[in-house]
């Protein structure tokens, strides 16, 4: 994952791919593979399939990442993982 300035935010060889109907696939990366500093956001979020989410600010991009600290049953593989989205944030390589 790279940020708007091209800096590498995260790099992982062990992402979890989450596919949901109606939205694009998301990669969730283990928090240990995140290089960027994450600042917790106050933005609330909830998903009927994954549970209560936590948003994170990354550098100057607000709510650029999110995680599910205690996901619902069926989504437990993403516990301790972070996904990224936002203006200028992109997956640069998937193998």
Protein backbone atom coordinates (compact mmCIF):
# COMPACT_ATOMS: atom_id res chain seq x y z
CA UNK A 1 0.00 0.00 0.00
CA UNK A 2 1.27 3.43 -0.83
CA UNK A 3 0.10 6.82 0.30
CA UNK A 4 -0.50 10.03 -1.66
CA UNK A 5 3.20 10.91 -1.54
CA UNK A 6 4.23 7.45 -2.79
CA UNK A 7 5.52 6.36 0.61
CA UNK A 8 4.98 2.71 1.46
CA UNK A 9 2.32 2.50 4.19
CA UNK A 10 2.31 -1.27 4.52
CA UNK A 11 3.85 -4.30 2.91
CA UNK A 12 2.74 -7.84 3.54
CA UNK A 13 3.10 -11.37 2.24
CA UNK A 14 0.13 -12.53 4.30
CA UNK A 15 -2.92 -10.36 3.58
CA UNK A 16 -6.47 -11.56 4.13
CA UNK A 17 -8.72 -10.90 1.13
CA UNK A 18 -12.32 -9.99 1.98
CA UNK A 19 -14.92 -10.11 -0.80
CA UNK A 20 -18.39 -8.70 -0.17
CA UNK A 21 -21.28 -8.37 -2.57
CA UNK A 22 -21.63 -4.88 -4.01
CA UNK A 23 -18.26 -3.47 -2.92
CA UNK A 24 -14.73 -3.99 -4.17
CA UNK A 25 -12.46 -6.59 -2.62
CA UNK A 26 -10.41 -5.38 0.33
CA UNK A 27 -7.04 -6.54 1.58
CA UNK A 28 -6.58 -6.68 5.36
CA UNK A 29 -2.93 -6.66 6.41
CA UNK A 30 -1.53 -7.81 9.75
CA UNK A 31 -0.86 -4.78 11.93
CA UNK A 32 2.78 -5.89 12.26
CA UNK A 33 3.15 -5.33 8.50
CA UNK A 34 1.99 -1.69 8.66
CA UNK A 35 4.88 0.77 8.46
CA UNK A 36 2.82 3.96 8.76
CA UNK A 37 1.90 5.44 12.10
CA UNK A 38 -1.81 4.97 12.77
CA UNK A 39 -3.68 7.61 14.76
CA UNK A 40 -7.03 6.47 16.12
CA UNK A 41 -10.06 8.34 14.74
CA UNK A 42 -13.32 9.16 16.50
CA UNK A 43 -15.32 8.18 13.40
CA UNK A 44 -17.81 5.43 14.30
CA UNK A 45 -18.46 2.52 11.96
CA UNK A 46 -20.35 -0.71 12.06
CA UNK A 47 -20.82 -3.58 9.62
CA UNK A 48 -23.55 -6.22 10.01
CA UNK A 49 -21.07 -8.88 8.84
CA UNK A 50 -17.81 -7.81 10.48
CA UNK A 51 -18.91 -5.89 13.59
CA UNK A 52 -17.77 -2.58 15.12
CA UNK A 53 -14.86 -1.02 13.27
CA UNK A 54 -12.16 1.42 14.25
CA UNK A 55 -10.96 4.07 11.80
CA UNK A 56 -7.38 5.33 11.70
CA UNK A 57 -5.79 8.50 10.32
CA UNK A 58 -2.62 7.90 8.31
CA UNK A 59 -0.29 10.87 7.88
CA UNK A 60 -2.47 13.70 6.53
CA UNK A 61 -5.28 11.41 5.34
CA UNK A 62 -8.19 11.19 7.76
CA UNK A 63 -9.93 7.84 8.17
CA UNK A 64 -7.55 6.23 5.66
CA UNK A 65 -7.54 2.86 7.38
CA UNK A 66 -9.83 0.74 9.50
CA UNK A 67 -9.77 -2.42 11.54
CA UNK A 68 -12.11 -4.71 13.42
CA UNK A 69 -10.53 -5.36 16.79
CA UNK A 70 -13.15 -7.92 17.82
CA UNK A 71 -14.89 -9.00 14.62
CA UNK A 72 -18.08 -11.03 14.60
CA UNK A 73 -18.01 -14.80 14.13
CA UNK A 74 -17.26 -15.53 10.51
CA UNK A 75 -14.95 -12.54 10.20
CA UNK A 76 -12.38 -13.55 12.82
CA UNK A 77 -9.53 -13.93 10.28
CA UNK A 78 -9.35 -10.10 10.05
CA UNK A 79 -8.83 -9.58 13.79
CA UNK A 80 -5.59 -7.65 14.28
CA UNK A 81 -5.54 -6.63 10.60
CA UNK A 82 -5.86 -3.22 8.95
CA UNK A 83 -7.35 -2.25 5.59
CA UNK A 84 -6.65 0.97 3.73
CA UNK A 85 -8.65 3.22 1.40
CA UNK A 86 -8.79 6.87 0.67
CA UNK A 87 -7.70 9.46 -1.82
CA UNK A 88 -4.27 8.60 -3.14
CA UNK A 89 -3.95 5.32 -1.25
CA UNK A 90 -3.52 2.32 -3.49
CA UNK A 91 -2.40 -1.27 -3.71
CA UNK A 92 0.71 -1.18 -5.87
CA UNK A 93 1.46 -4.87 -6.21
CA UNK A 94 -0.28 -8.13 -5.49
CA UNK A 95 1.41 -11.48 -6.10
